[in-house]
Protein backbone atom coordinates (compact mmCIF):
# COMPACT_ATOMS: atom_id res chain seq x y z
CA MET A 1 79.61 91.40 84.42
CA ARG A 2 82.36 88.84 83.89
CA ILE A 3 84.08 87.32 80.91
CA ASP A 4 85.68 84.12 82.16
CA ARG A 5 88.07 85.19 84.93
CA TYR A 6 87.89 88.90 84.02
CA GLU A 7 85.59 91.28 85.87
CA ILE A 8 84.49 94.02 83.46
CA LEU A 9 84.79 97.47 85.03
CA GLY A 10 83.68 99.54 82.06
CA ARG A 11 83.95 100.18 78.35
CA LEU A 12 86.95 102.21 77.23
CA ALA A 13 85.99 102.52 73.58
CA GLU A 14 83.84 100.99 70.88
CA GLY A 15 84.26 100.86 67.12
CA GLY A 16 82.64 99.30 64.13
CA MET A 17 84.06 95.82 64.75
CA ALA A 18 85.20 95.59 68.34
CA GLU A 19 85.09 97.13 71.78
CA VAL A 20 87.80 97.67 74.37
CA LEU A 21 87.05 97.01 78.01
CA LEU A 22 88.81 97.86 81.23
CA ALA A 23 88.84 94.69 83.31
CA ARG A 24 90.21 93.26 86.50
CA MET A 25 91.80 89.84 86.34
CA HIS A 26 91.10 87.64 89.35
CA GLY A 27 93.64 84.99 90.28
CA PRO A 28 94.17 82.57 93.16
CA HIS A 29 94.57 83.75 96.75
CA GLY A 30 93.08 87.17 96.08
CA PHE A 31 95.50 88.12 93.28
CA GLU A 32 94.09 90.96 91.14
CA ARG A 33 95.48 92.95 88.23
CA PRO A 34 93.96 95.50 85.82
CA VAL A 35 94.06 94.47 82.17
CA VAL A 36 92.64 95.63 78.85
CA LEU A 37 90.30 93.27 77.06
CA LYS A 38 89.30 93.63 73.43
CA ARG A 39 86.50 91.59 71.94
CA ILE A 40 84.50 91.41 68.75
CA LEU A 41 81.13 93.08 69.12
CA PRO A 42 78.66 90.31 69.99
CA HIS A 43 76.40 90.92 67.00
CA LEU A 44 79.40 90.55 64.64
CA ALA A 45 80.76 87.38 66.22
CA PRO A 46 79.18 85.12 63.53
CA ASP A 47 80.75 87.18 60.68
CA LYS A 48 83.64 85.11 59.28
CA ARG A 49 85.33 88.13 57.68
CA ILE A 50 85.39 89.98 61.01
CA VAL A 51 86.61 86.90 62.81
CA ASP A 52 89.44 86.47 60.27
CA LEU A 53 90.54 90.09 60.77
CA PHE A 54 90.50 89.65 64.53
CA LEU A 55 92.43 86.39 64.37
CA ASP A 56 95.00 87.95 62.05
CA GLU A 57 95.68 90.65 64.59
CA ALA A 58 95.87 88.14 67.42
CA ARG A 59 98.30 85.90 65.49
CA ILE A 60 100.54 88.82 64.58
CA ILE A 61 100.86 90.33 68.03
CA SER A 62 101.11 86.94 69.75
CA ASN A 63 104.38 86.38 67.86
CA LEU A 64 105.88 89.66 69.07
CA ARG A 65 107.87 89.77 72.28
CA HIS A 66 109.95 92.86 73.04
CA PRO A 67 110.09 95.51 75.80
CA ASN A 68 109.20 98.21 73.26
CA LEU A 69 106.09 96.41 72.02
CA ILE A 70 102.76 95.90 73.75
CA ASN A 71 102.39 92.58 75.55
CA VAL A 72 99.47 90.32 74.67
CA GLN A 73 98.59 87.98 77.50
CA GLU A 74 95.83 85.77 76.14
CA LEU A 75 93.52 84.97 73.22
CA GLY A 76 90.32 83.53 74.60
CA SER A 77 86.77 82.75 73.60
CA ASN A 78 83.42 82.32 75.26
CA ALA A 79 79.80 82.09 74.18
CA ASP A 80 79.93 85.70 72.92
CA GLY A 81 83.00 85.20 70.72
CA LEU A 82 86.74 85.88 70.71
CA TYR A 83 88.68 88.30 72.91
CA ILE A 84 92.28 89.44 73.35
CA VAL A 85 93.77 90.33 76.73
CA MET A 86 96.57 92.90 76.80
CA GLU A 87 98.71 94.55 79.43
CA TYR A 88 97.52 97.74 81.04
CA LEU A 89 99.88 100.75 80.77
CA GLU A 90 99.71 104.36 81.89
CA GLY A 91 101.06 107.13 79.71
CA GLU A 92 100.36 109.14 76.57
CA SER A 93 100.86 108.82 72.85
CA VAL A 94 103.54 110.87 71.12
CA ALA A 95 100.67 112.82 69.54
CA GLY A 96 99.42 113.76 73.01
CA LEU A 97 102.95 114.65 74.09
CA CYS A 98 103.33 117.00 71.11
CA ARG A 99 100.05 118.73 71.88
CA ARG A 100 100.85 119.17 75.57
CA LEU A 101 104.24 120.66 74.65
CA ALA A 102 102.46 123.08 72.30
CA ILE A 103 100.06 124.17 75.04
CA ARG A 104 103.00 124.83 77.33
CA ASN A 105 104.92 126.57 74.51
CA GLU A 106 107.84 124.19 75.06
CA ASP A 107 110.17 122.31 72.74
CA LEU A 108 111.26 118.73 73.33
CA PRO A 109 115.06 118.45 73.52
CA PRO A 110 116.35 116.77 70.32
CA THR A 111 118.08 114.12 72.44
CA LEU A 112 114.75 113.06 73.93
CA ALA A 113 113.10 112.99 70.53
CA ALA A 114 115.97 110.84 69.30
CA HIS A 115 115.59 108.56 72.32
CA ILE A 116 111.86 108.03 71.70
CA LEU A 117 112.58 107.16 68.07
CA ALA A 118 115.49 104.89 69.01
CA GLU A 119 113.25 102.91 71.34
CA ALA A 120 110.51 102.74 68.72
CA CYS A 121 113.14 101.50 66.24
CA ALA A 122 114.07 98.73 68.65
CA GLY A 123 110.49 97.55 68.91
CA LEU A 124 109.85 97.78 65.18
CA HIS A 125 113.05 95.94 64.33
CA ALA A 126 111.95 93.10 66.58
CA ALA A 127 108.60 93.06 64.77
CA HIS A 128 110.29 93.15 61.36
CA GLU A 129 112.47 90.19 62.35
CA ALA A 130 109.62 88.15 63.85
CA LYS A 131 108.96 84.61 62.66
CA SER A 132 105.90 82.42 62.69
CA GLN A 133 105.63 79.48 65.06
CA ASP A 134 107.03 77.20 62.39
CA GLY A 135 110.07 79.42 61.90
CA ARG A 136 109.10 81.27 58.69
CA PRO A 137 109.84 85.02 58.52
CA LEU A 138 106.64 87.01 58.87
CA GLU A 139 108.01 89.86 56.72
CA LEU A 140 105.89 92.15 58.86
CA VAL A 141 105.27 95.77 57.86
CA HIS A 142 103.39 97.85 60.42
CA ARG A 143 101.94 100.27 57.83
CA ASP A 144 100.56 102.62 60.50
CA VAL A 145 103.60 104.08 62.29
CA SER A 146 102.53 107.52 63.50
CA PRO A 147 102.58 109.71 66.64
CA GLN A 148 99.29 108.11 67.71
CA ASN A 149 100.84 104.65 67.65
CA ILE A 150 104.02 105.33 69.62
CA PHE A 151 103.22 105.32 73.33
CA VAL A 152 105.33 106.84 76.12
CA SER A 153 104.69 105.77 79.69
CA TYR A 154 104.94 108.17 82.60
CA SER A 155 108.18 106.46 83.60
CA GLY A 156 109.71 107.09 80.17
CA ALA A 157 109.26 103.65 78.59
CA VAL A 158 108.37 103.63 74.87
CA HIS A 159 106.05 101.14 73.14
CA VAL A 160 104.97 100.70 69.54
CA ILE A 161 101.28 99.81 69.43
CA ASP A 162 98.48 99.08 66.95
CA PHE A 163 99.37 96.26 64.58
CA GLY A 164 95.78 96.09 63.38
CA ILE A 165 96.62 96.75 59.72
CA ALA A 166 100.10 95.21 59.68
CA THR A 167 100.82 93.00 56.70
CA THR A 168 102.57 89.64 56.99
CA THR A 169 103.06 86.49 54.95
CA THR A 170 100.63 84.63 57.21
CA ARG A 171 97.73 87.09 57.17
CA ARG A 172 94.47 85.51 56.02
CA SER A 173 92.57 88.72 55.27
CA ARG A 174 93.92 90.72 52.35
CA THR A 175 93.79 94.39 51.41
CA GLU A 176 91.92 94.85 48.15
CA ALA A 177 94.21 95.46 45.17
CA GLY A 178 94.80 99.15 44.50
CA THR A 179 93.90 100.15 48.08
CA VAL A 180 96.40 101.54 50.57
CA ARG A 181 95.78 101.42 54.30
CA GLY A 182 97.24 103.86 56.79
CA LYS A 183 97.13 107.50 57.86
CA ILE A 184 97.44 109.73 54.81
CA GLU A 185 100.13 112.07 56.17
CA TYR A 186 102.41 109.18 57.21
CA LEU A 187 102.34 107.13 54.01
CA ALA A 188 105.62 106.36 52.22
CA PRO A 189 106.00 107.08 48.49
CA GLU A 190 105.87 103.36 47.65
CA GLN A 191 102.53 103.07 49.41
CA LEU A 192 101.12 105.76 47.13
CA ARG A 193 102.58 103.96 44.11
CA ALA A 194 100.94 100.70 45.20
CA VAL A 195 104.14 98.67 44.94
CA LYS A 196 105.42 95.95 47.25
CA LEU A 197 106.18 97.18 50.76
CA ASP A 198 108.91 96.13 53.15
CA ARG A 199 110.34 97.28 56.47
CA ARG A 200 111.78 100.43 54.89
CA THR A 201 108.21 101.72 54.55
CA ASP A 202 108.05 101.90 58.35
CA VAL A 203 111.46 103.63 58.41
CA PHE A 204 109.99 106.46 56.30
CA ALA A 205 107.16 106.93 58.79
CA LEU A 206 109.67 106.96 61.65
CA GLY A 207 111.43 109.83 59.89
CA ILE A 208 108.19 111.81 59.82
CA VAL A 209 107.63 111.23 63.53
CA LEU A 210 111.22 112.33 64.31
CA PHE A 211 110.74 115.56 62.35
CA GLU A 212 107.43 116.32 64.05
CA LEU A 213 108.75 115.61 67.56
CA VAL A 214 111.74 117.92 67.08
CA SER A 215 110.00 120.71 65.16
CA GLY A 216 106.47 120.62 66.60
CA ARG A 217 105.13 120.87 63.02
CA ARG A 218 103.18 118.55 60.76
CA ALA A 219 105.55 117.44 58.03
CA TYR A 220 103.18 116.59 55.18
CA ARG A 221 99.82 118.11 56.03
CA ARG A 222 98.63 120.22 53.13
CA ALA A 223 95.40 121.92 52.07
CA SER A 224 94.17 118.88 50.15
CA THR A 225 94.84 115.20 49.86
CA ALA A 226 96.27 115.69 46.37
CA GLN A 227 98.75 118.24 47.72
CA THR A 228 99.68 115.93 50.58
CA PHE A 229 100.38 113.13 48.10
CA GLN A 230 102.42 115.47 45.93
CA ALA A 231 104.50 116.61 48.91
CA ILE A 232 105.26 113.02 49.92
CA LEU A 233 106.14 112.03 46.36
CA SER A 234 108.18 114.99 45.19
CA GLU A 235 109.07 117.61 47.84
CA PRO A 236 112.51 117.34 49.44
CA PRO A 237 112.52 116.06 53.03
CA PRO A 238 111.73 118.85 55.51
CA GLN A 239 114.59 119.99 57.74
CA PRO A 240 113.87 120.52 61.45
CA SER A 241 116.48 123.30 61.63
CA LYS A 242 114.49 125.38 59.13
CA VAL A 243 111.58 125.42 61.56
CA ARG A 244 113.44 125.26 64.86
CA PRO A 245 116.72 127.20 64.59
CA GLY A 246 119.55 125.71 66.57
CA THR A 247 118.58 122.10 65.85
CA PRO A 248 121.80 120.10 65.36
CA ALA A 249 122.73 119.37 61.76
CA ALA A 250 122.89 115.68 62.67
CA VAL A 251 119.10 115.69 63.22
CA ASP A 252 118.57 117.17 59.76
CA ALA A 253 120.75 114.40 58.35
CA LEU A 254 118.83 111.70 60.21
CA CYS A 255 115.50 113.00 58.90
CA ALA A 256 116.84 113.37 55.36
CA ARG A 257 118.02 109.78 55.20
CA ALA A 258 114.91 108.27 56.77
CA LEU A 259 112.70 110.36 54.43
CA ALA A 260 114.51 109.52 51.20
CA LYS A 261 112.01 108.96 48.37
CA GLU A 262 113.67 105.72 47.26
CA PRO A 263 113.76 102.91 49.82
CA ALA A 264 117.32 102.02 48.76
CA ASP A 265 118.49 105.46 49.96
CA ARG A 266 116.99 105.13 53.45
CA PHE A 267 118.20 103.31 56.51
CA GLN A 268 117.80 99.71 55.40
CA THR A 269 116.55 98.53 58.79
CA ALA A 270 115.10 100.12 61.90
CA ALA A 271 118.14 98.78 63.76
CA GLU A 272 120.44 100.79 61.48
CA MET A 273 118.42 103.92 62.17
CA ARG A 274 118.54 103.19 65.89
CA ARG A 275 122.36 102.97 65.83
CA GLU A 276 122.59 106.41 64.24
CA LEU A 277 120.12 107.87 66.72
CA LEU A 278 122.04 106.45 69.68
CA GLY A 279 125.30 107.79 68.24
CA PHE A 280 123.78 111.26 68.08
CA ILE A 281 122.54 111.01 71.69
CA ARG A 282 125.95 109.93 72.98
CA LYS A 283 127.59 112.96 71.36
CA GLN A 284 125.07 115.36 72.85
CA THR A 285 124.65 114.31 76.48
CA VAL A 286 125.86 111.97 79.21
CA GLU A 287 122.48 112.01 80.95
CA ASP A 288 120.31 108.90 80.78
CA PRO A 289 117.69 109.95 78.20
CA GLY A 290 115.13 107.44 79.48
CA GLU A 291 115.30 108.86 83.00
CA HIS A 292 115.14 112.39 81.64
CA LEU A 293 112.11 111.52 79.50
CA GLY A 294 110.33 110.08 82.53
CA LYS A 295 110.86 113.33 84.45
CA VAL A 296 109.50 115.35 81.53
CA MET A 297 106.42 113.13 81.25
CA GLN A 298 105.74 113.35 84.99
CA ARG A 299 106.03 117.13 84.91
CA LEU A 300 103.91 117.64 81.81
CA PHE A 301 101.18 115.18 82.80
CA ALA A 302 101.04 115.54 86.58
CA ASP A 303 97.30 116.17 86.28
CA ARG A 304 96.68 113.00 84.28
CA ILE A 305 98.83 110.89 86.59
CA ALA A 306 96.98 112.05 89.72
CA GLU A 307 93.56 111.70 88.13
CA LYS A 308 94.17 108.19 86.84
CA ALA A 309 95.54 107.05 90.18
CA GLU A 310 92.52 108.47 91.98
CA LEU A 311 90.06 106.95 89.58
CA LEU A 312 91.64 103.53 89.88
CA ARG A 313 91.50 103.84 93.64
CA ARG A 314 87.78 104.53 93.44
CA VAL A 315 87.22 101.64 91.07
CA ARG A 316 88.97 99.29 93.47
CA GLY A 317 86.88 100.76 96.27
CA GLY A 318 83.61 99.69 94.67
CA ASP A 319 82.55 102.56 92.39
CA ARG A 320 82.12 101.65 88.75
CA VAL A 321 83.08 103.48 85.58
CA VAL A 322 80.03 104.18 83.42
CA VAL A 323 81.58 105.80 80.33
CA LEU A 324 85.13 106.63 79.33
CA PRO A 325 86.06 109.22 76.69
CA GLN A 326 88.63 108.91 73.94
CA ALA A 327 92.15 108.14 75.01
CA GLU A 328 94.04 111.13 73.63
CA VAL A 329 94.73 114.28 75.64
CA ASP A 330 94.27 117.89 74.48
CA VAL A 331 92.52 116.79 71.30
CA ASP A 332 91.24 120.31 70.59
CA VAL A 333 94.77 121.47 69.81
CA GLU A 334 95.82 121.30 66.16
CA MET A 335 99.53 121.27 65.41
CA PRO A 336 100.74 123.80 62.80
CA THR A 337 102.21 122.76 59.47
CA VAL A 338 105.70 123.43 58.14
CA ALA A 339 104.30 126.28 56.03
CA GLU A 340 103.10 128.29 59.01
CA SER A 341 105.11 130.87 60.91
CA PRO A 342 105.62 130.16 64.62
CA THR A 343 103.61 132.14 67.15
CA ASN A 344 103.19 131.96 70.85
CA LEU A 345 100.39 129.55 71.62
CA ALA A 346 99.02 131.74 74.40
CA GLN A 347 98.57 134.66 71.98
CA THR A 348 96.53 132.74 69.42
CA MET A 349 94.37 130.26 71.31
CA PRO A 350 91.47 130.86 73.69
CA SER A 351 92.70 131.06 77.24
CA ARG A 352 92.65 127.82 79.15
CA PRO A 353 93.98 126.91 82.57
CA ASP A 354 97.34 125.22 82.81
CA PRO A 355 96.38 121.50 82.84
CA THR A 356 99.08 120.75 85.37
CA ALA A 357 98.13 123.52 87.81
CA PRO A 358 95.72 122.80 90.71
CA SER A 359 92.43 124.67 90.58
CA ALA A 360 91.80 127.43 93.11
CA GLY A 361 90.19 126.21 96.29
CA ALA A 362 90.30 122.61 95.17
CA GLY A 363 92.54 121.44 97.97
CA ARG A 364 92.70 117.68 97.80
CA ARG A 365 89.46 117.36 95.87
CA ILE A 366 89.58 116.40 92.20
CA ALA A 367 86.77 117.10 89.77
CA TRP A 368 85.26 113.72 88.86
CA PRO A 369 84.39 114.51 85.24
CA SER A 370 88.03 115.29 84.53
CA ILE A 371 89.16 112.26 86.51
CA ALA A 372 87.02 109.92 84.49
CA ALA A 373 87.94 111.68 81.30
CA ALA A 374 91.58 111.01 82.03
CA LEU A 375 91.47 107.27 82.51
CA VAL A 376 92.05 106.18 79.13
CA LEU A 377 95.25 104.88 80.55
CA ALA A 378 97.22 103.21 77.98
CA GLY A 379 94.54 100.65 78.03
CA ALA A 380 92.40 102.56 75.62
CA VAL A 381 95.38 103.63 73.57
CA VAL A 382 96.84 100.17 73.35
CA GLY A 383 93.52 98.51 73.16
CA MET A 384 91.96 99.13 69.74
CA GLY A 385 94.38 99.37 66.87
CA ALA A 386 92.39 97.15 64.58
CA MET A 387 89.09 98.92 65.15
CA ARG A 388 87.99 100.37 61.90
CA LEU A 389 84.65 102.17 61.87
CA GLY A 390 84.63 102.30 58.10
CA SER A 391 86.87 102.63 55.12
CA SER A 392 87.23 105.28 52.50
CA ARG A 393 89.00 105.71 49.24
CA VAL A 394 90.64 108.95 48.33
CA HIS A 395 91.95 109.69 44.86
CA ALA A 396 94.52 112.42 44.29
CA GLU A 397 93.80 114.84 41.49
CA GLN A 398 96.67 113.62 39.36
CA ALA A 399 97.14 111.53 36.26
CA PRO A 400 97.53 108.68 36.76
CA PRO A 401 95.80 108.89 40.16
CA PRO A 402 97.39 107.37 43.23
CA PRO A 403 95.80 104.25 44.71
CA ALA A 404 92.82 104.53 46.97
CA VAL A 405 93.69 105.32 50.57
CA GLU A 406 91.95 103.63 53.44
CA ASP A 407 92.56 105.99 56.32
CA ALA A 408 93.15 104.65 59.82
CA VAL A 409 89.88 105.36 61.57
CA ARG A 410 89.75 106.77 65.03
CA THR A 411 87.44 105.91 67.85
CA PRO A 412 84.68 108.56 67.97
CA ASP A 413 84.47 111.14 70.69
CA LEU A 414 82.52 109.63 73.56
CA PRO A 415 80.48 111.46 76.21
CA ALA A 416 82.29 112.60 79.34
CA ALA A 417 82.87 109.79 81.77
CA THR A 418 81.06 109.62 85.06
CA VAL A 419 81.55 107.54 88.18
CA ALA A 420 78.43 106.09 89.73
CA SER A 421 77.83 105.03 93.29
CA PRO A 422 77.77 101.30 94.00
CA PRO A 423 74.48 99.59 93.05
CA PRO A 424 71.96 98.64 95.73
CA THR A 425 72.75 95.58 97.77
CA GLY A 426 72.01 92.43 95.85
CA ALA A 427 72.04 94.11 92.46
CA SER A 428 74.25 92.72 89.71
CA PRO A 429 75.44 95.73 87.74
CA ASP A 430 76.22 95.50 84.05
CA PRO A 431 78.78 98.24 83.33
CA LEU A 432 78.41 97.75 79.59
CA ALA A 433 74.64 98.14 79.72
CA SER A 434 75.10 101.34 81.70
CA ALA A 435 77.64 102.57 79.19
CA SER A 436 75.33 101.80 76.29
CA SER A 437 72.50 103.68 77.98
CA SER A 438 74.73 106.69 78.61
CA GLN A 439 75.84 106.69 74.99
CA ALA A 440 72.38 106.42 73.52
CA ALA A 441 72.24 110.11 72.68
CA ALA A 442 75.66 110.12 71.03
CA PRO A 443 75.74 110.37 67.23
CA ASP A 444 76.29 107.22 65.23
CA PRO A 445 80.01 107.31 64.32
CA ALA A 446 79.29 105.68 61.00
CA GLN A 447 77.04 108.60 60.08
CA ALA A 448 79.83 111.07 60.85
CA ILE A 449 82.19 109.47 58.35
CA SER A 450 81.10 110.15 54.80
CA ALA A 451 82.07 107.80 52.01
CA ASP A 452 83.29 110.94 50.27
CA ALA A 453 86.57 111.74 51.97
CA GLY A 454 86.13 115.44 51.32
CA ALA A 455 82.85 115.51 53.21
CA ARG A 456 84.09 114.13 56.53
CA THR A 457 83.39 116.07 59.66
CA SER A 458 85.75 116.83 62.51
CA SER A 459 85.57 118.62 65.83
CA PRO A 460 87.02 122.14 66.04
CA ARG A 461 90.75 122.29 66.75
CA ARG A 462 92.84 125.05 68.21
CA SER A 463 95.89 125.81 66.14
CA PRO A 464 99.06 126.84 67.95
CA SER A 465 99.82 129.28 65.13
CA ARG A 466 96.42 130.72 64.18
CA ALA A 467 93.10 131.68 65.68
CA PRO A 468 90.59 128.80 65.63
CA ALA A 469 88.65 130.22 62.70
CA GLN A 470 91.84 130.27 60.63
CA ALA A 471 93.09 126.80 61.51
CA PRO A 472 94.85 125.12 58.57
CA PRO A 473 92.49 122.94 56.56
CA LYS A 474 92.92 119.20 56.90
CA PRO A 475 93.50 117.08 53.84
CA ALA A 476 90.52 115.06 52.77
CA GLY A 477 90.56 111.79 54.60
CA SER A 478 92.15 113.19 57.74
CA ARG A 479 90.43 112.16 60.94
CA GLY A 480 91.92 114.65 63.32
CA SER A 481 94.26 113.82 66.13
CA SER A 482 92.28 111.34 68.14
CA PRO A 483 94.04 107.98 68.34
CA ALA A 484 93.72 104.85 66.34
CA LEU A 485 92.80 102.44 69.11
CA TRP A 486 93.05 98.67 69.39
């Protein structure tokens, strides 16, 4: 199957409005390159509201050019509707990095956490400063900064992704009055108060990510949505040193300022926060943090790197990808909250093999189900930020109640990927038709998301601090740790 000059290799993910495809771009003289292609689902292509949402996303990200942001290569259209072409990266989200560290019972050095946040600050500042084609400030606010939407490549490069719910002065589609969009545990106080947002809202979310990277704990997860809201609105900023003894006082100070309740008391720009982060790094080490981060990623994810490389080799050799699973790694691991006492992960979770260790007797052979399951490649992560399978409104049990919260919806768990042999000679395979057939038995994601936030279902998680049956309850509206995909 082809879409203009793009050969479709398989479907990476599908949501309520759009699908993300792994494709190979064909150029002159045999030039080929893998790309990620997102398009509106064909049956929704005539829907003007869906088209406006898609165009809003395309306009926003087409105005953004920075090494720490995802690169959009083309907005195109054909008989089936609009599509966006994006660069293809290999790496993991910060959420996946945190879970892999938990499995290995390791802590990320504070300097590397600061480096990841400094790079994310650089990308976000560029987005905050972006202007429209006619020179007007976009006044962009990401609104969904979270560990799922900060991406780290295996070489150590950092990218901010998923501008699907970003707000700008040029956006055509509007969020309904009284409704807040974003992930509940990463909302800023002003989002809960339903007042005007600005770039300092994203700074607050960056502070949460910094705390969670350093401490390995969820900053604002509580037993209910109301308690989560109350913690964000009134509890003092959490201190990493209280959870991870030995954390430098400067990291506590960075978190405290970024997490100030009043925007005027925070870093006023992401660039200001970046300067403080870089100053801390310079005082702590002379090593290049980017190079160090790359080494850590390659060590932690050696299994994923090898599997993705092998799968791509097979794809180029003629085999086709039938189904790909969700993009995030180790999704059955649930990070503990700040209220939980630390315990050794190996003592509390069911035993599992080290993901980076070769299996006995495997030699050079790699299990194909795990290979296919690992390709999510940044393509799936960077591919579907605007996909929203549904929306929900959650009201805190307070008077007056906070505004409704429209949680960032994740792509549903997909069946394990398989790699099929090439079709018979003369056949014209349709990888999407094969994927649809393979997914026929999967549950309808819309049916798994109840309109009542408290009734949503989630797959079992393994908590690093408790046995699975005692895992901390998720606030209503939480959708687990699978990524928000473009």
